[in-house]
Amino acid sequence: EAVEGLVVATVCGYPTGNHPTPLKAAEAEAAVRAGAHEVDMVIDVGAALAGEFDAVRADVAAVRAAVPSPGVLKVIVESAALPDDVLVEVCRAAETAGADFVKTSTGFHSTGGASVHAVQLMAATVGGRLGVKASGGIRDTASALAVLDAGATRLGLSGTAAVLAGLDG
């Protein structure tokens, strides 16, 4: 049952992004039918590292088709696993395919989560046309403020209380 004011979000292709595109799209479509307003999808990092940006773009486009507007699509790029040039191309592919946000991380990849450098690069690449969600490893107020200053428009936090506690005073 829907609760007024509650936004439901989910993730498809989690955690590796290696799922076949039709499976990611089916996951997203089922989630939207079940009431999800926002869908995060994980890119195929291996395809990105191989320079297969058309495949990344097609993957995002298929999920976008399953999450029609006003649904929100956030594309998790695992920024810590990508060299800068690849990160830029992945952000461009996500934008071209219709994403609403690019997101740094699942928070569980072995290479790490959000970094100020990655957020700056992602924000510069999407130029305000997409949101930038910093997620993964943001555990204190200073880290949260640093990624916001770098251009993040949304944060993914598992330690929200600690971050908010640092704002008191």
N, C-alpha and C. Protein backbone atom coordinates (compact mmCIF):
# COMPACT_ATOMS: atom_id res chain seq x y z
N GLU A 1 0.84 -1.17 0.00
CA GLU A 1 0.00 0.00 0.00
C GLU A 1 0.90 1.25 0.00
N ALA A 2 0.54 2.20 -0.85
CA ALA A 2 1.33 3.43 -0.96
C ALA A 2 1.14 4.30 0.27
N VAL A 3 2.20 4.93 0.68
CA VAL A 3 2.16 5.87 1.80
C VAL A 3 2.49 7.25 1.23
N GLU A 4 1.60 8.19 1.45
CA GLU A 4 1.77 9.53 0.90
C GLU A 4 3.10 10.13 1.36
N GLY A 5 3.86 10.67 0.41
CA GLY A 5 5.13 11.31 0.71
C GLY A 5 6.32 10.38 0.79
N LEU A 6 6.07 9.07 0.75
CA LEU A 6 7.16 8.10 0.82
C LEU A 6 7.67 7.80 -0.59
N VAL A 7 8.97 7.92 -0.79
CA VAL A 7 9.58 7.61 -2.07
C VAL A 7 10.26 6.26 -1.95
N VAL A 8 9.89 5.33 -2.81
CA VAL A 8 10.44 3.99 -2.80
C VAL A 8 11.55 3.91 -3.84
N ALA A 9 12.70 3.39 -3.42
CA ALA A 9 13.82 3.24 -4.33
C ALA A 9 14.34 1.81 -4.24
N THR A 10 14.99 1.36 -5.32
CA THR A 10 15.56 0.02 -5.36
C THR A 10 16.79 0.04 -6.26
N VAL A 11 17.47 -1.11 -6.32
CA VAL A 11 18.67 -1.23 -7.15
C VAL A 11 18.53 -2.46 -8.03
N CYS A 12 18.93 -2.35 -9.29
CA CYS A 12 18.98 -3.52 -10.16
C CYS A 12 20.42 -3.71 -10.65
N GLY A 13 20.73 -4.96 -10.96
CA GLY A 13 22.09 -5.28 -11.38
C GLY A 13 23.07 -5.28 -10.23
N TYR A 14 22.55 -5.37 -9.03
CA TYR A 14 23.37 -5.26 -7.83
C TYR A 14 23.91 -6.63 -7.44
N PRO A 15 25.13 -6.75 -6.98
CA PRO A 15 26.09 -5.67 -6.76
C PRO A 15 27.12 -5.53 -7.87
N THR A 16 27.17 -6.48 -8.80
CA THR A 16 28.29 -6.50 -9.75
C THR A 16 28.06 -5.74 -11.04
N GLY A 17 26.81 -5.58 -11.44
CA GLY A 17 26.52 -4.96 -12.72
C GLY A 17 26.70 -5.89 -13.90
N ASN A 18 27.11 -7.12 -13.65
CA ASN A 18 27.38 -8.08 -14.73
C ASN A 18 26.13 -8.77 -15.25
N HIS A 19 24.98 -8.45 -14.70
CA HIS A 19 23.74 -9.06 -15.14
C HIS A 19 23.48 -8.73 -16.61
N PRO A 20 22.89 -9.65 -17.36
CA PRO A 20 22.51 -9.31 -18.75
C PRO A 20 21.53 -8.14 -18.76
N THR A 21 21.65 -7.30 -19.77
CA THR A 21 20.79 -6.12 -19.89
C THR A 21 19.31 -6.45 -19.78
N PRO A 22 18.81 -7.49 -20.47
CA PRO A 22 17.36 -7.78 -20.33
C PRO A 22 16.95 -8.09 -18.89
N LEU A 23 17.83 -8.70 -18.13
CA LEU A 23 17.52 -9.00 -16.73
C LEU A 23 17.46 -7.71 -15.91
N LYS A 24 18.42 -6.80 -16.13
CA LYS A 24 18.38 -5.51 -15.42
C LYS A 24 17.09 -4.76 -15.74
N ALA A 25 16.72 -4.74 -17.03
CA ALA A 25 15.51 -4.04 -17.44
C ALA A 25 14.27 -4.69 -16.82
N ALA A 26 14.24 -6.01 -16.78
CA ALA A 26 13.10 -6.71 -16.18
C ALA A 26 13.02 -6.44 -14.67
N GLU A 27 14.17 -6.42 -14.00
CA GLU A 27 14.19 -6.08 -12.57
C GLU A 27 13.62 -4.68 -12.36
N ALA A 28 14.06 -3.74 -13.19
CA ALA A 28 13.60 -2.35 -13.05
C ALA A 28 12.11 -2.24 -13.33
N GLU A 29 11.65 -2.90 -14.38
CA GLU A 29 10.24 -2.85 -14.73
C GLU A 29 9.37 -3.44 -13.61
N ALA A 30 9.79 -4.57 -13.07
CA ALA A 30 9.04 -5.19 -11.97
C ALA A 30 9.02 -4.27 -10.74
N ALA A 31 10.13 -3.61 -10.48
CA ALA A 31 10.19 -2.70 -9.33
C ALA A 31 9.25 -1.52 -9.50
N VAL A 32 9.21 -0.96 -10.71
CA VAL A 32 8.32 0.16 -10.97
C VAL A 32 6.86 -0.28 -10.84
N ARG A 33 6.54 -1.46 -11.38
CA ARG A 33 5.16 -1.99 -11.24
C ARG A 33 4.79 -2.19 -9.77
N ALA A 34 5.79 -2.53 -8.95
CA ALA A 34 5.55 -2.76 -7.52
C ALA A 34 5.55 -1.46 -6.71
N GLY A 35 5.81 -0.34 -7.35
CA GLY A 35 5.72 0.94 -6.66
C GLY A 35 7.00 1.73 -6.50
N ALA A 36 8.11 1.26 -7.06
CA ALA A 36 9.37 2.01 -6.94
C ALA A 36 9.28 3.31 -7.76
N HIS A 37 9.75 4.38 -7.15
CA HIS A 37 9.81 5.68 -7.82
C HIS A 37 11.20 5.97 -8.36
N GLU A 38 12.20 5.34 -7.75
CA GLU A 38 13.59 5.55 -8.15
C GLU A 38 14.25 4.19 -8.29
N VAL A 39 15.04 4.06 -9.36
CA VAL A 39 15.79 2.83 -9.60
C VAL A 39 17.25 3.20 -9.81
N ASP A 40 18.11 2.55 -9.04
CA ASP A 40 19.55 2.66 -9.25
C ASP A 40 19.97 1.41 -10.01
N MET A 41 20.83 1.57 -10.98
CA MET A 41 21.35 0.41 -11.70
C MET A 41 22.87 0.45 -11.66
N VAL A 42 23.49 -0.72 -11.62
CA VAL A 42 24.94 -0.83 -11.62
C VAL A 42 25.39 -1.12 -13.04
N ILE A 43 26.34 -0.33 -13.54
CA ILE A 43 26.86 -0.59 -14.89
C ILE A 43 27.72 -1.85 -14.87
N ASP A 44 27.97 -2.38 -16.05
CA ASP A 44 28.93 -3.46 -16.22
C ASP A 44 30.31 -2.82 -16.24
N VAL A 45 30.98 -2.85 -15.11
CA VAL A 45 32.29 -2.20 -14.98
C VAL A 45 33.30 -2.81 -15.95
N GLY A 46 33.21 -4.12 -16.15
CA GLY A 46 34.12 -4.78 -17.10
C GLY A 46 33.96 -4.23 -18.50
N ALA A 47 32.73 -4.01 -18.94
CA ALA A 47 32.50 -3.43 -20.26
C ALA A 47 33.09 -2.02 -20.34
N ALA A 48 32.90 -1.24 -19.27
CA ALA A 48 33.45 0.12 -19.25
C ALA A 48 34.97 0.09 -19.35
N LEU A 49 35.59 -0.78 -18.56
CA LEU A 49 37.06 -0.87 -18.57
C LEU A 49 37.59 -1.35 -19.91
N ALA A 50 36.77 -2.12 -20.64
CA ALA A 50 37.16 -2.60 -21.97
C ALA A 50 36.89 -1.55 -23.05
N GLY A 51 36.37 -0.39 -22.65
CA GLY A 51 36.07 0.67 -23.62
C GLY A 51 34.81 0.42 -24.41
N GLU A 52 33.95 -0.44 -23.92
CA GLU A 52 32.70 -0.78 -24.62
C GLU A 52 31.59 0.17 -24.17
N PHE A 53 31.76 1.44 -24.52
CA PHE A 53 30.83 2.46 -24.04
C PHE A 53 29.48 2.37 -24.72
N ASP A 54 29.42 1.85 -25.95
CA ASP A 54 28.13 1.63 -26.59
C ASP A 54 27.32 0.59 -25.81
N ALA A 55 27.99 -0.42 -25.29
CA ALA A 55 27.30 -1.44 -24.49
C ALA A 55 26.81 -0.84 -23.18
N VAL A 56 27.61 0.01 -22.56
CA VAL A 56 27.19 0.68 -21.33
C VAL A 56 25.97 1.55 -21.63
N ARG A 57 26.03 2.30 -22.71
CA ARG A 57 24.93 3.19 -23.11
C ARG A 57 23.65 2.37 -23.35
N ALA A 58 23.78 1.26 -24.07
CA ALA A 58 22.61 0.41 -24.36
C ALA A 58 22.02 -0.18 -23.08
N ASP A 59 22.88 -0.56 -22.16
CA ASP A 59 22.45 -1.10 -20.88
C ASP A 59 21.61 -0.06 -20.13
N VAL A 60 22.13 1.16 -20.04
CA VAL A 60 21.42 2.24 -19.35
C VAL A 60 20.11 2.56 -20.08
N ALA A 61 20.14 2.62 -21.41
CA ALA A 61 18.94 2.94 -22.18
C ALA A 61 17.84 1.91 -21.96
N ALA A 62 18.20 0.64 -21.86
CA ALA A 62 17.21 -0.41 -21.64
C ALA A 62 16.54 -0.25 -20.28
N VAL A 63 17.34 0.08 -19.28
CA VAL A 63 16.76 0.28 -17.95
C VAL A 63 15.94 1.57 -17.94
N ARG A 64 16.41 2.60 -18.61
CA ARG A 64 15.65 3.86 -18.70
C ARG A 64 14.27 3.60 -19.30
N ALA A 65 14.20 2.76 -20.32
CA ALA A 65 12.92 2.43 -20.95
C ALA A 65 11.98 1.74 -19.95
N ALA A 66 12.54 1.02 -19.01
CA ALA A 66 11.75 0.32 -18.00
C ALA A 66 11.38 1.22 -16.82
N VAL A 67 12.00 2.40 -16.77
CA VAL A 67 11.75 3.36 -15.69
C VAL A 67 11.34 4.69 -16.34
N PRO A 68 10.12 4.74 -16.87
CA PRO A 68 9.72 5.96 -17.57
C PRO A 68 9.57 7.14 -16.60
N SER A 69 9.74 8.33 -17.13
CA SER A 69 9.53 9.54 -16.35
C SER A 69 8.08 9.54 -15.88
N PRO A 70 7.81 9.92 -14.67
CA PRO A 70 8.65 10.69 -13.76
C PRO A 70 9.57 9.84 -12.88
N GLY A 71 9.66 8.54 -13.15
CA GLY A 71 10.60 7.71 -12.42
C GLY A 71 12.01 8.24 -12.56
N VAL A 72 12.81 8.03 -11.53
CA VAL A 72 14.18 8.53 -11.51
C VAL A 72 15.14 7.36 -11.69
N LEU A 73 16.08 7.53 -12.61
CA LEU A 73 17.10 6.51 -12.87
C LEU A 73 18.46 7.04 -12.46
N LYS A 74 19.10 6.33 -11.52
CA LYS A 74 20.45 6.66 -11.07
C LYS A 74 21.38 5.56 -11.55
N VAL A 75 22.49 5.94 -12.16
CA VAL A 75 23.43 4.99 -12.74
C VAL A 75 24.68 4.93 -11.87
N ILE A 76 24.89 3.76 -11.24
CA ILE A 76 26.04 3.55 -10.37
C ILE A 76 27.22 3.15 -11.24
N VAL A 77 28.29 3.96 -11.20
CA VAL A 77 29.42 3.76 -12.10
C VAL A 77 30.64 3.12 -11.45
N GLU A 78 30.62 2.91 -10.14
CA GLU A 78 31.79 2.40 -9.40
C GLU A 78 33.03 3.23 -9.76
N SER A 79 32.95 4.50 -9.48
CA SER A 79 33.99 5.46 -9.88
C SER A 79 35.38 5.09 -9.41
N ALA A 80 35.52 4.49 -8.24
CA ALA A 80 36.85 4.15 -7.73
C ALA A 80 37.52 3.06 -8.57
N ALA A 81 36.75 2.32 -9.35
CA ALA A 81 37.30 1.24 -10.17
C ALA A 81 37.69 1.72 -11.57
N LEU A 82 37.40 2.99 -11.88
CA LEU A 82 37.59 3.48 -13.25
C LEU A 82 38.66 4.57 -13.33
N PRO A 83 39.53 4.48 -14.34
CA PRO A 83 40.43 5.62 -14.60
C PRO A 83 39.60 6.84 -15.00
N ASP A 84 40.17 8.02 -14.84
CA ASP A 84 39.43 9.25 -15.11
C ASP A 84 38.81 9.29 -16.50
N ASP A 85 39.56 8.91 -17.54
CA ASP A 85 39.01 8.99 -18.90
C ASP A 85 37.82 8.06 -19.08
N VAL A 86 37.86 6.90 -18.46
CA VAL A 86 36.75 5.95 -18.53
C VAL A 86 35.56 6.48 -17.74
N LEU A 87 35.81 7.06 -16.58
CA LEU A 87 34.74 7.64 -15.77
C LEU A 87 34.00 8.72 -16.56
N VAL A 88 34.72 9.56 -17.25
CA VAL A 88 34.11 10.61 -18.07
C VAL A 88 33.24 9.99 -19.15
N GLU A 89 33.75 8.99 -19.85
CA GLU A 89 32.98 8.36 -20.94
C GLU A 89 31.74 7.65 -20.41
N VAL A 90 31.84 7.02 -19.26
CA VAL A 90 30.69 6.34 -18.67
C VAL A 90 29.62 7.37 -18.29
N CYS A 91 30.03 8.50 -17.72
CA CYS A 91 29.07 9.55 -17.38
C CYS A 91 28.40 10.08 -18.64
N ARG A 92 29.15 10.25 -19.69
CA ARG A 92 28.57 10.72 -20.97
C ARG A 92 27.58 9.69 -21.51
N ALA A 93 27.94 8.42 -21.43
CA ALA A 93 27.04 7.35 -21.90
C ALA A 93 25.75 7.35 -21.09
N ALA A 94 25.86 7.51 -19.78
CA ALA A 94 24.67 7.53 -18.93
C ALA A 94 23.77 8.71 -19.29
N GLU A 95 24.37 9.85 -19.51
CA GLU A 95 23.59 11.04 -19.87
C GLU A 95 22.89 10.82 -21.22
N THR A 96 23.62 10.36 -22.21
CA THR A 96 23.05 10.13 -23.53
C THR A 96 21.89 9.13 -23.48
N ALA A 97 22.00 8.16 -22.59
CA ALA A 97 20.97 7.12 -22.48
C ALA A 97 19.77 7.55 -21.65
N GLY A 98 19.81 8.74 -21.06
CA GLY A 98 18.64 9.26 -20.37
C GLY A 98 18.64 9.17 -18.86
N ALA A 99 19.79 8.92 -18.25
CA ALA A 99 19.86 8.86 -16.79
C ALA A 99 19.51 10.20 -16.17
N ASP A 100 19.03 10.14 -14.94
CA ASP A 100 18.76 11.36 -14.17
C ASP A 100 19.92 11.72 -13.25
N PHE A 101 20.66 10.69 -12.81
CA PHE A 101 21.80 10.85 -11.91
C PHE A 101 22.92 9.92 -12.33
N VAL A 102 24.14 10.31 -12.03
CA VAL A 102 25.27 9.37 -11.99
C VAL A 102 25.64 9.26 -10.51
N LYS A 103 25.98 8.05 -10.11
CA LYS A 103 26.22 7.75 -8.70
C LYS A 103 27.58 7.09 -8.57
N THR A 104 28.34 7.48 -7.57
CA THR A 104 29.72 7.01 -7.45
C THR A 104 29.86 5.52 -7.23
N SER A 105 29.04 4.93 -6.38
CA SER A 105 29.39 3.61 -5.89
C SER A 105 28.22 2.86 -5.28
N THR A 106 28.33 1.54 -5.29
CA THR A 106 27.40 0.71 -4.52
C THR A 106 27.75 0.76 -3.04
N GLY A 107 28.98 1.14 -2.74
CA GLY A 107 29.46 1.13 -1.36
C GLY A 107 30.08 -0.19 -0.96
N PHE A 108 30.05 -1.16 -1.87
CA PHE A 108 30.56 -2.49 -1.53
C PHE A 108 31.68 -2.96 -2.45
N HIS A 109 32.04 -2.17 -3.45
CA HIS A 109 33.11 -2.58 -4.37
C HIS A 109 34.45 -2.51 -3.64
N SER A 110 35.32 -3.44 -3.94
CA SER A 110 36.60 -3.54 -3.23
C SER A 110 37.51 -2.33 -3.45
N THR A 111 37.27 -1.55 -4.51
CA THR A 111 38.13 -0.41 -4.80
C THR A 111 37.75 0.84 -4.01
N GLY A 112 36.61 0.81 -3.35
CA GLY A 112 36.23 1.96 -2.53
C GLY A 112 34.96 2.62 -2.98
N GLY A 113 34.63 3.71 -2.31
CA GLY A 113 33.39 4.42 -2.57
C GLY A 113 33.64 5.79 -3.17
N ALA A 114 32.93 6.77 -2.66
CA ALA A 114 32.99 8.13 -3.19
C ALA A 114 34.32 8.79 -2.84
N SER A 115 34.83 9.57 -3.76
CA SER A 115 35.99 10.42 -3.49
C SER A 115 35.68 11.82 -4.00
N VAL A 116 36.31 12.80 -3.40
CA VAL A 116 36.14 14.18 -3.83
C VAL A 116 36.53 14.32 -5.30
N HIS A 117 37.64 13.71 -5.68
CA HIS A 117 38.10 13.81 -7.07
C HIS A 117 37.07 13.25 -8.04
N ALA A 118 36.54 12.07 -7.75
CA ALA A 118 35.56 11.46 -8.65
C ALA A 118 34.31 12.33 -8.76
N VAL A 119 33.84 12.84 -7.63
CA VAL A 119 32.64 13.68 -7.64
C VAL A 119 32.89 14.94 -8.47
N GLN A 120 34.06 15.56 -8.30
CA GLN A 120 34.39 16.75 -9.10
C GLN A 120 34.36 16.42 -10.59
N LEU A 121 34.96 15.31 -10.97
CA LEU A 121 35.03 14.92 -12.37
C LEU A 121 33.64 14.60 -12.92
N MET A 122 32.85 13.87 -12.15
CA MET A 122 31.50 13.53 -12.57
C MET A 122 30.64 14.78 -12.72
N ALA A 123 30.72 15.69 -11.75
CA ALA A 123 29.94 16.93 -11.80
C ALA A 123 30.34 17.79 -12.99
N ALA A 124 31.63 17.87 -13.26
CA ALA A 124 32.10 18.65 -14.41
C ALA A 124 31.61 18.02 -15.72
N THR A 125 31.59 16.71 -15.77
CA THR A 125 31.18 16.02 -17.00
C THR A 125 29.70 16.20 -17.28
N VAL A 126 28.85 16.09 -16.28
CA VAL A 126 27.41 16.20 -16.51
C VAL A 126 26.91 17.64 -16.42
N GLY A 127 27.75 18.54 -15.95
CA GLY A 127 27.48 19.97 -16.02
C GLY A 127 26.13 20.43 -15.51
N GLY A 128 25.59 19.81 -14.48
CA GLY A 128 24.31 20.22 -13.94
C GLY A 128 23.11 19.66 -14.69
N ARG A 129 23.34 18.98 -15.79
CA ARG A 129 22.24 18.38 -16.55
C ARG A 129 21.69 17.13 -15.87
N LEU A 130 22.54 16.47 -15.07
CA LEU A 130 22.18 15.30 -14.28
C LEU A 130 22.58 15.59 -12.85
N GLY A 131 21.95 14.89 -11.92
CA GLY A 131 22.38 14.95 -10.55
C GLY A 131 23.60 14.07 -10.36
N VAL A 132 24.34 14.31 -9.30
CA VAL A 132 25.50 13.49 -8.94
C VAL A 132 25.27 13.01 -7.51
N LYS A 133 25.18 11.70 -7.36
CA LYS A 133 24.98 11.13 -6.03
C LYS A 133 26.29 10.52 -5.56
N ALA A 134 26.79 11.03 -4.44
CA ALA A 134 28.00 10.49 -3.83
C ALA A 134 27.56 9.45 -2.81
N SER A 135 28.11 8.26 -2.94
CA SER A 135 27.71 7.15 -2.08
C SER A 135 28.91 6.24 -1.85
N GLY A 136 29.00 5.75 -0.64
CA GLY A 136 30.09 4.81 -0.32
C GLY A 136 31.19 5.48 0.46
N GLY A 137 31.32 5.13 1.73
CA GLY A 137 32.43 5.60 2.54
C GLY A 137 32.27 6.97 3.15
N ILE A 138 31.11 7.57 3.03
CA ILE A 138 30.87 8.89 3.63
C ILE A 138 30.32 8.64 5.03
N ARG A 139 31.20 8.76 6.02
CA ARG A 139 30.82 8.37 7.37
C ARG A 139 30.87 9.50 8.39
N ASP A 140 31.28 10.69 7.96
CA ASP A 140 31.34 11.80 8.90
C ASP A 140 30.97 13.10 8.20
N THR A 141 30.75 14.12 8.99
CA THR A 141 30.30 15.40 8.47
C THR A 141 31.31 16.00 7.49
N ALA A 142 32.58 15.93 7.83
CA ALA A 142 33.60 16.52 6.96
C ALA A 142 33.59 15.86 5.58
N SER A 143 33.47 14.54 5.53
CA SER A 143 33.41 13.84 4.24
C SER A 143 32.17 14.23 3.47
N ALA A 144 31.05 14.33 4.15
CA ALA A 144 29.80 14.71 3.49
C ALA A 144 29.90 16.11 2.91
N LEU A 145 30.40 17.04 3.69
CA LEU A 145 30.54 18.41 3.22
C LEU A 145 31.54 18.51 2.06
N ALA A 146 32.59 17.72 2.11
CA ALA A 146 33.60 17.74 1.04
C ALA A 146 33.02 17.30 -0.29
N VAL A 147 32.22 16.23 -0.31
CA VAL A 147 31.65 15.78 -1.59
C VAL A 147 30.53 16.71 -2.05
N LEU A 148 29.82 17.32 -1.11
CA LEU A 148 28.83 18.33 -1.51
C LEU A 148 29.52 19.53 -2.15
N ASP A 149 30.62 19.97 -1.55
CA ASP A 149 31.40 21.07 -2.12
C ASP A 149 31.98 20.72 -3.48
N ALA A 150 32.25 19.43 -3.71
CA ALA A 150 32.82 18.96 -4.97
C ALA A 150 31.77 18.86 -6.08
N GLY A 151 30.49 18.95 -5.71
CA GLY A 151 29.45 18.94 -6.74
C GLY A 151 28.36 17.90 -6.57
N ALA A 152 28.41 17.12 -5.50
CA ALA A 152 27.34 16.15 -5.27
C ALA A 152 26.03 16.89 -5.01
N THR A 153 24.95 16.36 -5.57
CA THR A 153 23.64 16.95 -5.36
C THR A 153 22.78 16.07 -4.45
N ARG A 154 23.28 14.89 -4.15
CA ARG A 154 22.59 13.96 -3.26
C ARG A 154 23.64 13.06 -2.64
N LEU A 155 23.37 12.60 -1.42
CA LEU A 155 24.29 11.70 -0.72
C LEU A 155 23.60 10.38 -0.42
N GLY A 156 24.39 9.30 -0.49
CA GLY A 156 23.96 8.00 -0.02
C GLY A 156 24.74 7.69 1.24
N LEU A 157 24.04 7.55 2.35
CA LEU A 157 24.70 7.39 3.64
C LEU A 157 24.14 6.19 4.39
N SER A 158 25.02 5.43 5.00
CA SER A 158 24.55 4.42 5.94
C SER A 158 24.74 4.92 7.37
N GLY A 159 25.52 5.97 7.54
CA GLY A 159 25.78 6.55 8.86
C GLY A 159 25.21 7.95 8.97
N THR A 160 23.95 8.11 8.60
CA THR A 160 23.32 9.43 8.58
C THR A 160 23.40 10.14 9.93
N ALA A 161 23.17 9.41 11.01
CA ALA A 161 23.16 10.03 12.34
C ALA A 161 24.51 10.67 12.66
N ALA A 162 25.60 9.99 12.32
CA ALA A 162 26.94 10.54 12.60
C ALA A 162 27.19 11.79 11.78
N VAL A 163 26.76 11.78 10.51
CA VAL A 163 26.96 12.95 9.67
C VAL A 163 26.14 14.13 10.21
N LEU A 164 24.90 13.88 10.55
CA LEU A 164 24.04 14.96 11.07
C LEU A 164 24.52 15.47 12.43
N ALA A 165 25.04 14.57 13.25
CA ALA A 165 25.53 14.98 14.56
C ALA A 165 26.65 16.00 14.45
N GLY A 166 27.44 15.89 13.41
CA GLY A 166 28.54 16.82 13.20
C GLY A 166 28.08 18.20 12.75
N LEU A 167 26.81 18.33 12.40
CA LEU A 167 26.27 19.64 11.98
C LEU A 167 25.71 20.41 13.15
N ASP A 168 25.53 19.76 14.28
CA ASP A 168 24.99 20.45 15.46
C ASP A 168 25.97 21.51 15.93
N GLY A 169 25.44 22.61 16.33
CA GLY A 169 26.29 23.62 16.96
C GLY A 169 26.50 24.75 16.13
